[in-house]
C-alpha atoms as a PDB file:
ATOM      1  CA  MET A   1      75.754 132.048 128.280  1.00  0.00           C
ATOM      2  CA  ALA A   2      76.328 130.231 124.952  1.00  0.00           C
ATOM      3  CA  GLU A   3      77.299 126.690 124.971  1.00  0.00           C
ATOM      4  CA  LYS A   4      81.014 125.975 124.304  1.00  0.00           C
ATOM      5  CA  SER A   5      81.731 124.124 121.004  1.00  0.00           C
ATOM      6  CA  LYS A   6      83.504 120.840 121.431  1.00  0.00           C
ATOM      7  CA  LYS A   7      86.987 120.201 119.944  1.00  0.00           C
ATOM      8  CA  ILE A   8      85.618 117.985 117.414  1.00  0.00           C
ATOM      9  CA  ALA A   9      82.432 118.322 114.988  1.00  0.00           C
ATOM     10  CA  VAL A  10      81.227 115.237 113.381  1.00  0.00           C
ATOM     11  CA  VAL A  11      79.586 116.448 110.144  1.00  0.00           C
ATOM     12  CA  ILE A  12      77.129 114.668 107.926  1.00  0.00           C
ATOM     13  CA  LEU A  13      76.229 115.915 104.426  1.00  0.00           C
ATOM     14  CA  ASN A  14      72.707 115.165 103.722  1.00  0.00           C
ATOM     15  CA  TRP A  15      70.681 115.282 100.308  1.00  0.00           C
ATOM     16  CA  ASN A  16      67.191 113.330 100.544  1.00  0.00           C
ATOM     17  CA  GLY A  17      68.914 110.882 103.018  1.00  0.00           C
ATOM     18  CA  LYS A  18      66.142 110.650 105.515  1.00  0.00           C
ATOM     19  CA  ASN A  19      66.270 106.895 105.640  1.00  0.00           C
ATOM     20  CA  TRP A  20      70.106 106.770 105.966  1.00  0.00           C
ATOM     21  CA  LEU A  21      69.946 109.171 108.877  1.00  0.00           C
ATOM     22  CA  GLN A  22      67.113 107.292 110.505  1.00  0.00           C
ATOM     23  CA  LYS A  23      69.195 103.947 110.201  1.00  0.00           C
ATOM     24  CA  PHE A  24      72.663 105.310 111.262  1.00  0.00           C
ATOM     25  CA  LEU A  25      72.501 108.633 113.031  1.00  0.00           C
ATOM     26  CA  PRO A  26      71.615 106.875 116.235  1.00  0.00           C
ATOM     27  CA  SER A  27      74.904 105.166 116.453  1.00  0.00           C
ATOM     28  CA  VAL A  28      76.633 108.356 115.607  1.00  0.00           C
ATOM     29  CA  ILE A  29      75.137 110.156 118.727  1.00  0.00           C
ATOM     30  CA  GLN A  30      75.596 107.131 120.882  1.00  0.00           C
ATOM     31  CA  TYR A  31      79.106 106.748 120.258  1.00  0.00           C
ATOM     32  CA  SER A  32      80.237 110.288 119.787  1.00  0.00           C
ATOM     33  CA  PRO A  33      79.999 111.932 123.340  1.00  0.00           C
ATOM     34  CA  GLU A  34      83.057 113.904 122.754  1.00  0.00           C
ATOM     35  CA  ALA A  35      81.771 115.619 119.420  1.00  0.00           C
ATOM     36  CA  ASP A  36      79.323 118.089 118.422  1.00  0.00           C
ATOM     37  CA  ILE A  37      77.279 116.641 115.608  1.00  0.00           C
ATOM     38  CA  TYR A  38      76.022 118.577 112.563  1.00  0.00           C
ATOM     39  CA  ILE A  39      73.993 117.798 109.598  1.00  0.00           C
ATOM     40  CA  ILE A  40      74.670 119.949 106.347  1.00  0.00           C
ATOM     41  CA  ASP A  41      71.586 119.798 104.190  1.00  0.00           C
ATOM     42  CA  ASN A  42      71.936 120.313 100.275  1.00  0.00           C
ATOM     43  CA  GLN A  43      68.583 121.457  99.706  1.00  0.00           C
ATOM     44  CA  SER A  44      66.908 118.195 100.098  1.00  0.00           C
ATOM     45  CA  ASP A  45      63.225 117.838  98.976  1.00  0.00           C
ATOM     46  CA  ASP A  46      62.139 114.977 101.263  1.00  0.00           C
ATOM     47  CA  ASP A  47      61.345 115.589 104.907  1.00  0.00           C
ATOM     48  CA  SER A  48      64.814 115.173 106.122  1.00  0.00           C
ATOM     49  CA  ILE A  49      64.887 118.354 108.194  1.00  0.00           C
ATOM     50  CA  SER A  50      61.702 118.099 109.677  1.00  0.00           C
ATOM     51  CA  PHE A  51      62.471 114.557 110.961  1.00  0.00           C
ATOM     52  CA  LEU A  52      65.730 115.494 112.227  1.00  0.00           C
ATOM     53  CA  THR A  53      64.076 118.622 114.075  1.00  0.00           C
ATOM     54  CA  LYS A  54      61.548 116.210 115.757  1.00  0.00           C
ATOM     55  CA  GLU A  55      63.538 113.120 116.502  1.00  0.00           C
ATOM     56  CA  PHE A  56      67.215 114.510 116.922  1.00  0.00           C
ATOM     57  CA  PRO A  57      66.826 117.914 118.413  1.00  0.00           C
ATOM     58  CA  SER A  58      70.473 117.740 119.702  1.00  0.00           C
ATOM     59  CA  VAL A  59      71.669 117.602 116.307  1.00  0.00           C
ATOM     60  CA  LYS A  60      72.599 120.881 114.676  1.00  0.00           C
ATOM     61  CA  ILE A  61      71.316 121.820 111.099  1.00  0.00           C
ATOM     62  CA  ILE A  62      73.043 123.798 108.538  1.00  0.00           C
ATOM     63  CA  ASN A  63      71.013 124.666 105.478  1.00  0.00           C
ATOM     64  CA  ASN A  64      72.847 125.226 102.122  1.00  0.00           C
ATOM     65  CA  GLU A  65      70.695 127.389  99.767  1.00  0.00           C
ATOM     66  CA  LYS A  66      70.955 124.643  96.952  1.00  0.00           C
ATOM     67  CA  ASN A  67      72.666 121.278  96.118  1.00  0.00           C
ATOM     68  CA  LEU A  68      76.448 121.999  95.892  1.00  0.00           C
ATOM     69  CA  GLY A  69      77.514 118.401  95.687  1.00  0.00           C
ATOM     70  CA  PHE A  70      79.841 116.902  98.128  1.00  0.00           C
ATOM     71  CA  ALA A  71      82.803 119.216  97.692  1.00  0.00           C
ATOM     72  CA  GLY A  72      80.670 122.500  97.515  1.00  0.00           C
ATOM     73  CA  GLY A  73      78.281 121.215 100.030  1.00  0.00           C
ATOM     74  CA  TYR A  74      80.843 120.611 102.855  1.00  0.00           C
ATOM     75  CA  ASN A  75      83.013 123.776 101.933  1.00  0.00           C
ATOM     76  CA  GLU A  76      79.968 126.150 102.321  1.00  0.00           C
ATOM     77  CA  GLY A  77      78.586 124.417 105.564  1.00  0.00           C
ATOM     78  CA  LEU A  78      81.900 124.091 107.327  1.00  0.00           C
ATOM     79  CA  LYS A  79      82.204 127.798 107.020  1.00  0.00           C
ATOM     80  CA  LYS A  80      79.567 127.943 109.880  1.00  0.00           C
ATOM     81  CA  ILE A  81      81.152 125.471 112.307  1.00  0.00           C
ATOM     82  CA  ASP A  82      83.651 126.271 114.770  1.00  0.00           C
ATOM     83  CA  ALA A  83      85.917 123.235 115.836  1.00  0.00           C
ATOM     84  CA  GLU A  84      89.430 122.225 115.985  1.00  0.00           C
ATOM     85  CA  TYR A  85      88.728 119.024 114.139  1.00  0.00           C
ATOM     86  CA  TYR A  86      86.297 118.063 111.336  1.00  0.00           C
ATOM     87  CA  CYS A  87      85.034 114.541 110.757  1.00  0.00           C
ATOM     88  CA  LEU A  88      83.246 114.309 107.493  1.00  0.00           C
ATOM     89  CA  LEU A  89      80.949 111.388 107.756  1.00  0.00           C
ATOM     90  CA  ASN A  90      78.859 109.831 104.994  1.00  0.00           C
ATOM     91  CA  SER A  91      75.227 109.282 105.958  1.00  0.00           C
ATOM     92  CA  ASP A  92      75.341 105.644 105.223  1.00  0.00           C
ATOM     93  CA  VAL A  93      77.885 104.717 107.799  1.00  0.00           C
ATOM     94  CA  GLU A  94      77.574 102.956 111.013  1.00  0.00           C
ATOM     95  CA  VAL A  95      80.182 104.098 113.729  1.00  0.00           C
ATOM     96  CA  THR A  96      81.265 101.801 116.876  1.00  0.00           C
ATOM     97  CA  GLU A  97      82.112 102.470 120.168  1.00  0.00           C
ATOM     98  CA  ASN A  98      85.429 104.358 120.689  1.00  0.00           C
ATOM     99  CA  TRP A  99      85.857 105.132 117.007  1.00  0.00           C
ATOM    100  CA  ILE A 100      86.940 108.752 117.541  1.00  0.00           C
ATOM    101  CA  THR A 101      89.452 108.377 120.403  1.00  0.00           C
ATOM    102  CA  PRO A 102      92.296 106.678 118.287  1.00  0.00           C
ATOM    103  CA  VAL A 103      92.125 109.276 115.774  1.00  0.00           C
ATOM    104  CA  LEU A 104      92.300 112.126 117.872  1.00  0.00           C
ATOM    105  CA  ASN A 105      95.238 110.480 119.686  1.00  0.00           C
ATOM    106  CA  LEU A 106      96.954 110.593 116.277  1.00  0.00           C
ATOM    107  CA  LEU A 107      96.107 114.069 115.549  1.00  0.00           C
ATOM    108  CA  GLU A 108      97.117 115.396 118.972  1.00  0.00           C
ATOM    109  CA  GLN A 109     100.334 113.549 119.317  1.00  0.00           C
ATOM    110  CA  ASN A 110     101.804 114.616 115.877  1.00  0.00           C
ATOM    111  CA  PRO A 111     101.124 118.174 114.394  1.00  0.00           C
ATOM    112  CA  SER A 112     102.407 117.031 111.106  1.00  0.00           C
ATOM    113  CA  ILE A 113      99.322 114.915 110.526  1.00  0.00           C
ATOM    114  CA  ALA A 114      96.620 116.694 108.761  1.00  0.00           C
ATOM    115  CA  ALA A 115      94.016 114.217 108.139  1.00  0.00           C
ATOM    116  CA  VAL A 116      93.332 110.535 109.460  1.00  0.00           C
ATOM    117  CA  GLN A 117      90.773 107.592 108.362  1.00  0.00           C
ATOM    118  CA  PRO A 118      89.716 104.783 110.266  1.00  0.00           C
ATOM    119  CA  LYS A 119      89.389 101.089 109.053  1.00  0.00           C
ATOM    120  CA  ILE A 120      86.345 101.091 106.904  1.00  0.00           C
ATOM    121  CA  LEU A 121      84.593  97.721 106.492  1.00  0.00           C
ATOM    122  CA  SER A 122      81.343  96.761 104.652  1.00  0.00           C
ATOM    123  CA  TYR A 123      78.030  97.121 106.432  1.00  0.00           C
ATOM    124  CA  GLU A 124      76.589  94.334 104.200  1.00  0.00           C
ATOM    125  CA  ASN A 125      79.467  91.893 104.795  1.00  0.00           C
ATOM    126  CA  LYS A 126      81.386  93.142 107.935  1.00  0.00           C
ATOM    127  CA  THR A 127      84.156  90.653 107.521  1.00  0.00           C
ATOM    128  CA  LYS A 128      85.220  92.484 104.116  1.00  0.00           C
ATOM    129  CA  PHE A 129      86.743  95.830 103.725  1.00  0.00           C
ATOM    130  CA  GLU A 130      84.523  98.464 102.083  1.00  0.00           C
ATOM    131  CA  PHE A 131      85.448  99.728  98.419  1.00  0.00           C
ATOM    132  CA  ALA A 132      85.440 103.416  99.494  1.00  0.00           C
ATOM    133  CA  GLY A 133      88.636 103.659 101.554  1.00  0.00           C
ATOM    134  CA  ALA A 134      89.225 100.071 102.946  1.00  0.00           C
ATOM    135  CA  ALA A 135      92.531 100.447 105.020  1.00  0.00           C
ATOM    136  CA  GLY A 136      93.829 103.536 103.710  1.00  0.00           C
ATOM    137  CA  GLY A 137      94.263 105.145 100.110  1.00  0.00           C
ATOM    138  CA  LEU A 138      97.331 104.827  97.714  1.00  0.00           C
ATOM    139  CA  ILE A 139      97.930 105.780  94.260  1.00  0.00           C
ATOM    140  CA  ASP A 140     100.252 104.238  91.443  1.00  0.00           C
ATOM    141  CA  ASN A 141     102.396 106.071  89.210  1.00  0.00           C
ATOM    142  CA  LEU A 142      99.692 106.317  86.601  1.00  0.00           C
ATOM    143  CA  GLY A 143      97.599 108.179  89.094  1.00  0.00           C
ATOM    144  CA  TYR A 144      95.193 105.317  89.642  1.00  0.00           C
ATOM    145  CA  PRO A 145      93.559 105.149  93.373  1.00  0.00           C
ATOM    146  CA  TYR A 146      93.711 102.093  95.263  1.00  0.00           C
ATOM    147  CA  CYS A 147      93.339 100.989  98.899  1.00  0.00           C
ATOM    148  CA  ARG A 148      95.229  98.702 101.275  1.00  0.00           C
ATOM    149  CA  GLY A 149      92.481  95.843 101.217  1.00  0.00           C
ATOM    150  CA  ARG A 150      90.967  96.810  97.841  1.00  0.00           C
ATOM    151  CA  ILE A 151      92.393  97.263  94.427  1.00  0.00           C
ATOM    152  CA  PHE A 152      90.058  98.048  91.666  1.00  0.00           C
ATOM    153  CA  ASP A 153      86.898  95.929  92.282  1.00  0.00           C
ATOM    154  CA  ASP A 154      88.885  93.216  94.379  1.00  0.00           C
ATOM    155  CA  VAL A 155      88.202  93.528  98.138  1.00  0.00           C
ATOM    156  CA  GLU A 156      90.072  91.557 100.831  1.00  0.00           C
ATOM    157  CA  ASP A 157      88.613  89.974 103.905  1.00  0.00           C
ATOM    158  CA  ASP A 158      89.482  91.567 107.150  1.00  0.00           C
ATOM    159  CA  LEU A 159      91.731  89.227 108.866  1.00  0.00           C
ATOM    160  CA  GLY A 160      93.651  91.485 110.968  1.00  0.00           C
ATOM    161  CA  GLN A 161      96.279  92.368 108.332  1.00  0.00           C
ATOM    162  CA  TYR A 162      95.534  96.092 108.596  1.00  0.00           C
ATOM    163  CA  ASP A 163      94.990  96.686 112.356  1.00  0.00           C
ATOM    164  CA  ASP A 164      98.127  98.925 112.117  1.00  0.00           C
ATOM    165  CA  GLU A 165      98.819 102.766 112.312  1.00  0.00           C
ATOM    166  CA  THR A 166     100.471 104.195 109.283  1.00  0.00           C
ATOM    167  CA  GLU A 167     100.995 106.695 106.758  1.00  0.00           C
ATOM    168  CA  ILE A 168      99.137 106.556 103.607  1.00  0.00           C
ATOM    169  CA  PHE A 169      98.417 108.752 100.467  1.00  0.00           C
ATOM    170  CA  TRP A 170      94.713 109.671 100.955  1.00  0.00           C
ATOM    171  CA  ALA A 171      92.025 109.472 103.431  1.00  0.00           C
ATOM    172  CA  SER A 172      88.307 108.537 102.306  1.00  0.00           C
ATOM    173  CA  GLY A 173      85.711 111.054 102.288  1.00  0.00           C
ATOM    174  CA  CYS A 174      83.575 108.414 103.553  1.00  0.00           C
ATOM    175  CA  CYS A 175      84.819 108.928 106.867  1.00  0.00           C
ATOM    176  CA  PHE A 176      87.302 111.636 106.850  1.00  0.00           C
ATOM    177  CA  PHE A 177      89.090 113.320 110.008  1.00  0.00           C
ATOM    178  CA  ILE A 178      90.815 116.743 109.277  1.00  0.00           C
ATOM    179  CA  ARG A 179      92.227 119.533 111.279  1.00  0.00           C
ATOM    180  CA  SER A 180      90.142 122.534 110.478  1.00  0.00           C
ATOM    181  CA  VAL A 181      93.237 124.806 109.957  1.00  0.00           C
ATOM    182  CA  ASP A 182      94.653 122.438 107.181  1.00  0.00           C
ATOM    183  CA  PHE A 183      91.224 122.201 105.565  1.00  0.00           C
ATOM    184  CA  TRP A 184      91.087 125.890 105.232  1.00  0.00           C
ATOM    185  CA  GLU A 185      94.580 126.524 104.444  1.00  0.00           C
ATOM    186  CA  GLN A 186      94.037 124.500 101.397  1.00  0.00           C
ATOM    187  CA  ASN A 187      90.732 126.332 100.664  1.00  0.00           C
ATOM    188  CA  GLY A 188      88.859 123.165 101.166  1.00  0.00           C
ATOM    189  CA  PHE A 189      87.774 120.774  98.515  1.00  0.00           C
ATOM    190  CA  ASP A 190      87.859 121.710  94.742  1.00  0.00           C
ATOM    191  CA  GLU A 191      84.265 122.697  94.035  1.00  0.00           C
ATOM    192  CA  ARG A 192      84.677 121.982  90.464  1.00  0.00           C
ATOM    193  CA  PHE A 193      85.033 118.324  91.281  1.00  0.00           C
ATOM    194  CA  PHE A 194      81.306 118.263  92.609  1.00  0.00           C
ATOM    195  CA  ALA A 195      81.744 114.864  93.949  1.00  0.00           C
ATOM    196  CA  HIS A 196      84.228 112.009  93.729  1.00  0.00           C
ATOM    197  CA  GLN A 197      88.070 112.124  94.330  1.00  0.00           C
ATOM    198  CA  GLU A 198      87.988 115.405  95.764  1.00  0.00           C
ATOM    199  CA  GLU A 199      89.283 114.074  99.023  1.00  0.00           C
ATOM    200  CA  ILE A 200      92.376 112.460  97.227  1.00  0.00           C
ATOM    201  CA  ASP A 201      93.023 115.909  95.544  1.00  0.00           C
ATOM    202  CA  LEU A 202      92.896 117.601  98.996  1.00  0.00           C
ATOM    203  CA  CYS A 203      95.120 115.038 100.484  1.00  0.00           C
ATOM    204  CA  TRP A 204      97.639 115.224  97.666  1.00  0.00           C
ATOM    205  CA  ARG A 205      97.620 119.115  98.237  1.00  0.00           C
ATOM    206  CA  LEU A 206      98.209 118.504 101.785  1.00  0.00           C
ATOM    207  CA  ILE A 207     101.249 116.355 101.138  1.00  0.00           C
ATOM    208  CA  ASN A 208     102.702 118.723  98.661  1.00  0.00           C
ATOM    209  CA  SER A 209     102.614 121.213 101.540  1.00  0.00           C
ATOM    210  CA  GLY A 210     104.555 119.198 103.704  1.00  0.00           C
ATOM    211  CA  LYS A 211     101.728 117.356 105.673  1.00  0.00           C
ATOM    212  CA  LYS A 212     100.959 113.822 106.382  1.00  0.00           C
ATOM    213  CA  ILE A 213      97.823 111.540 105.932  1.00  0.00           C
ATOM    214  CA  TYR A 214      97.420 108.535 108.275  1.00  0.00           C
ATOM    215  CA  TYR A 215      95.190 105.552 108.727  1.00  0.00           C
ATOM    216  CA  THR A 216      94.326 103.942 112.255  1.00  0.00           C
ATOM    217  CA  GLY A 217      93.396 100.221 112.502  1.00  0.00           C
ATOM    218  CA  LYS A 218      92.340 100.937 116.116  1.00  0.00           C
ATOM    219  CA  SER A 219      89.113 102.626 114.826  1.00  0.00           C
ATOM    220  CA  LYS A 220      86.497 101.031 112.647  1.00  0.00           C
ATOM    221  CA  VAL A 221      83.321 102.023 110.780  1.00  0.00           C
ATOM    222  CA  TYR A 222      80.903 100.225 108.437  1.00  0.00           C
ATOM    223  CA  HIS A 223      79.815 101.591 105.188  1.00  0.00           C
ATOM    224  CA  VAL A 224      76.981 100.753 102.979  1.00  0.00           C
ATOM    225  CA  GLY A 225      78.343 102.384  99.904  1.00  0.00           C
ATOM    226  CA  GLY A 226      76.501 103.834  96.909  1.00  0.00           C
ATOM    227  CA  GLY A 227      74.169 105.963  99.062  1.00  0.00           C
ATOM    228  CA  THR A 228      74.238 108.771  96.517  1.00  0.00           C
ATOM    229  CA  LEU A 229      75.306 107.651  93.337  1.00  0.00           C
ATOM    230  CA  ASN A 230      75.222 103.695  92.533  1.00  0.00           C
ATOM    231  CA  LYS A 231      78.500 101.921  91.868  1.00  0.00           C
ATOM    232  CA  GLN A 232      77.287 101.266  88.210  1.00  0.00           C
ATOM    233  CA  SER A 233      76.056 104.795  87.602  1.00  0.00           C
ATOM    234  CA  ALA A 234      77.417 106.387  84.442  1.00  0.00           C
ATOM    235  CA  GLN A 235      77.510 109.814  86.373  1.00  0.00           C
ATOM    236  CA  LYS A 236      79.965 108.224  88.753  1.00  0.00           C
ATOM    237  CA  THR A 237      82.136 106.953  85.676  1.00  0.00           C
ATOM    238  CA  PHE A 238      82.209 110.402  84.386  1.00  0.00           C
ATOM    239  CA  LEU A 239      83.045 112.116  87.745  1.00  0.00           C
ATOM    240  CA  ASN A 240      85.693 109.794  88.920  1.00  0.00           C
ATOM    241  CA  MET A 241      87.501 109.762  85.431  1.00  0.00           C
ATOM    242  CA  ARG A 242      87.247 113.654  85.055  1.00  0.00           C
ATOM    243  CA  ASN A 243      88.270 114.459  88.487  1.00  0.00           C
ATOM    244  CA  ASN A 244      91.285 112.153  88.472  1.00  0.00           C
ATOM    245  CA  LEU A 245      92.728 113.745  85.393  1.00  0.00           C
ATOM    246  CA  SER A 246      92.130 117.258  86.760  1.00  0.00           C
ATOM    247  CA  MET A 247      93.670 116.191  90.120  1.00  0.00           C
ATOM    248  CA  MET A 248      97.019 114.702  88.222  1.00  0.00           C
ATOM    249  CA  LEU A 249      97.323 118.145  86.448  1.00  0.00           C
ATOM    250  CA  LYS A 250      96.972 120.006  89.693  1.00  0.00           C
ATOM    251  CA  ASN A 251      99.273 118.066  91.750  1.00  0.00           C
ATOM    252  CA  MET A 252     101.711 115.707  89.768  1.00  0.00           C
ATOM    253  CA  PRO A 253     105.234 117.141  88.972  1.00  0.00           C
ATOM    254  CA  PHE A 254     106.481 118.003  85.464  1.00  0.00           C
ATOM    255  CA  PRO A 255     107.856 116.250  83.291  1.00  0.00           C
ATOM    256  CA  LYS A 256     106.300 112.984  84.670  1.00  0.00           C
ATOM    257  CA  LEU A 257     102.854 114.598  84.242  1.00  0.00           C
ATOM    258  CA  LEU A 258     103.023 114.748  80.508  1.00  0.00           C
ATOM    259  CA  LEU A 259     103.904 110.943  80.149  1.00  0.00           C
ATOM    260  CA  VAL A 260     101.242 110.120  82.401  1.00  0.00           C
ATOM    261  CA  ILE A 261      98.527 112.065  80.705  1.00  0.00           C
ATOM    262  CA  PHE A 262      99.431 110.538  77.416  1.00  0.00           C
ATOM    263  CA  CYS A 263      99.345 107.109  78.833  1.00  0.00           C
ATOM    264  CA  ARG A 264      95.983 107.600  80.381  1.00  0.00           C
ATOM    265  CA  MET A 265      94.614 109.043  77.155  1.00  0.00           C
ATOM    266  CA  ILE A 266      95.451 105.736  75.596  1.00  0.00           C
ATOM    267  CA  LEU A 267      94.107 103.614  78.699  1.00  0.00           C
ATOM    268  CA  ASP A 268      91.037 105.455  79.094  1.00  0.00           C
ATOM    269  CA  GLY A 269      90.033 104.973  75.463  1.00  0.00           C
ATOM    270  CA  ALA A 270      90.465 101.345  75.887  1.00  0.00           C
ATOM    271  CA  ALA A 271      88.583 101.516  79.082  1.00  0.00           C
ATOM    272  CA  SER A 272      85.505 103.232  77.357  1.00  0.00           C
ATOM    273  CA  PHE A 273      84.928 100.098  75.407  1.00  0.00           C
ATOM    274  CA  TYR A 274      85.359  97.926  78.171  1.00  0.00           C
ATOM    275  CA  PHE A 275      82.831  99.965  80.115  1.00  0.00           C
ATOM    276  CA  GLY A 276      80.509 100.270  77.453  1.00  0.00           C
ATOM    277  CA  TYR A 277      80.700  96.329  76.984  1.00  0.00           C
ATOM    278  CA  LYS A 278      80.271  95.724  80.755  1.00  0.00           C
ATOM    279  CA  ASN A 279      78.002  98.213  81.760  1.00  0.00           C
ATOM    280  CA  GLY A 280      76.257 100.034  78.840  1.00  0.00           C
ATOM    281  CA  ILE A 281      76.871 102.596  76.077  1.00  0.00           C
ATOM    282  CA  ALA A 282      76.008 105.381  78.725  1.00  0.00           C
ATOM    283  CA  HIS A 283      79.583 104.426  80.311  1.00  0.00           C
ATOM    284  CA  PHE A 284      81.265 104.704  76.950  1.00  0.00           C
ATOM    285  CA  TRP A 285      80.091 108.102  76.521  1.00  0.00           C
ATOM    286  CA  ALA A 286      80.858 109.023  80.067  1.00  0.00           C
ATOM    287  CA  VAL A 287      84.390 108.463  79.466  1.00  0.00           C
ATOM    288  CA  ALA A 288      84.233 110.615  76.395  1.00  0.00           C
ATOM    289  CA  ARG A 289      82.563 113.263  78.428  1.00  0.00           C
ATOM    290  CA  ALA A 290      85.054 112.953  81.162  1.00  0.00           C
ATOM    291  CA  HIS A 291      87.923 113.758  78.809  1.00  0.00           C
ATOM    292  CA  TYR A 292      86.038 116.609  77.318  1.00  0.00           C
ATOM    293  CA  GLY A 293      85.279 118.150  80.876  1.00  0.00           C
ATOM    294  CA  PHE A 294      88.980 117.873  81.798  1.00  0.00           C
ATOM    295  CA  TYR A 295      90.263 119.749  78.677  1.00  0.00           C
ATOM    296  CA  THR A 296      87.693 122.316  79.159  1.00  0.00           C
ATOM    297  CA  HIS A 297      88.999 122.669  83.041  1.00  0.00           C
ATOM    298  CA  ILE A 298      92.546 122.856  81.886  1.00  0.00           C
ATOM    299  CA  PRO A 299      92.976 126.665  82.195  1.00  0.00           C
ATOM    300  CA  GLY A 300      91.375 126.777  85.570  1.00  0.00           C
ATOM    301  CA  THR A 301      93.246 123.708  86.858  1.00  0.00           C
ATOM    302  CA  LEU A 302      96.717 125.096  85.859  1.00  0.00           C
ATOM    303  CA  LYS A 303      95.879 128.195  87.891  1.00  0.00           C
ATOM    304  CA  ARG A 304      95.346 125.846  90.944  1.00  0.00           C
ATOM    305  CA  ARG A 305      98.704 124.026  90.818  1.00  0.00           C
ATOM    306  CA  GLN A 306     100.870 124.579  93.831  1.00  0.00           C
ATOM    307  CA  LYS A 307     104.414 125.714  93.757  1.00  0.00           C
ATOM    308  CA  ASN A 308     105.788 122.420  94.990  1.00  0.00           C
ATOM    309  CA  GLN A 309     104.818 118.782  93.900  1.00  0.00           C
ATOM    310  CA  THR A 310     106.402 115.954  95.515  1.00  0.00           C
ATOM    311  CA  ALA A 311     108.267 113.445  92.986  1.00  0.00           C
ATOM    312  CA  ASN A 312     107.638 110.250  95.254  1.00  0.00           C
ATOM    313  CA  PHE A 313     103.884 110.581  95.119  1.00  0.00           C
ATOM    314  CA  TYR A 314     102.985 106.799  94.186  1.00  0.00           C
ATOM    315  CA  GLN A 315     103.327 103.467  96.210  1.00  0.00           C
ATOM    316  CA  SER A 316     103.042 101.044  93.119  1.00  0.00           C
ATOM    317  CA  LYS A 317     104.033 100.969  89.426  1.00  0.00           C
ATOM    318  CA  TRP A 318     101.875  99.838  86.418  1.00  0.00           C
ATOM    319  CA  LEU A 319      99.247  98.563  88.908  1.00  0.00           C
ATOM    320  CA  ILE A 320      96.550  98.356  86.094  1.00  0.00           C
ATOM    321  CA  PHE A 321      98.916  95.985  84.010  1.00  0.00           C
ATOM    322  CA  ARG A 322      99.828  94.091  86.954  1.00  0.00           C
ATOM    323  CA  HIS A 323      96.411  93.417  88.239  1.00  0.00           C
ATOM    324  CA  PHE A 324      94.628  92.712  85.180  1.00  0.00           C
ATOM    325  CA  LEU A 325      97.083  91.103  82.948  1.00  0.00           C
ATOM    326  CA  ARG A 326      99.298  89.340  85.266  1.00  0.00           C
ATOM    327  CA  ASP A 327      96.520  88.836  88.000  1.00  0.00           C
ATOM    328  CA  ASN A 328      98.987  90.344  90.750  1.00  0.00           C
ATOM    329  CA  LYS A 329      96.647  91.165  93.474  1.00  0.00           C
ATOM    330  CA  LEU A 330      99.612  92.859  95.438  1.00  0.00           C
END
């Protein structure tokens, strides 16, 4: 008789990440007895798979035929997983005891909640929030994502100020719990994004369809960050900027969208010089490439616009000006 699948599947996307799996997979196995654990492998060319087969035989392995990135890799692999809830977990995350229960409690008590993230702290400095998610994602009126506990590059210490459970705008893909039915009703991630901000786009689509996104401070994990692309990578700059513009075109209501895109063209132009000066000429060109990539995607992006877009999508106005020009840390 076949073993019955558990209600939740913890799913880690892997690409040449043997060292991360070796370091962090034991904590996932130890503290996730209520979950089935899967590795989706994006055609790694290290010895990740042979290592997993030998050292962690209880972990289920799904092999993608090529490297499909974060978005496509999860979309393809999740088709083969039967579970009521998915937890999409980065390979460079250390989980803690009882990290799943508070999240499941939220999902099971409120059917309108589609996705949840825990408190995400830095693995390197466990008293600080981590860049990728912190205490839940928000967005400003110009489409700039930020987090409770992290605005642009400024990160707060964890002093218990975000030990609450509250509605947010987006949950971090670093540790992303979602109902499988909601994931597939939205056709999963937008595979054109490849990586970066695909989880924000998905959350925005969920909100436009009437669902809620939540954060719980009762669960916590520790994230290294930069395990796939370094924070200073020009490719990361390109993907973040291109995908952010496409995400707004898909999800932001007219006529506000037109004004925002115009403002962002000016601001991104200024940002290209700033990034070029700070991080090198490759980042200057990354911004230019991002805009070109966005423009070439416009026909396909418009086809993906939903019928309804919420007008109340943002939690802060003019964040970039308040933060950098007036040093307002919110």
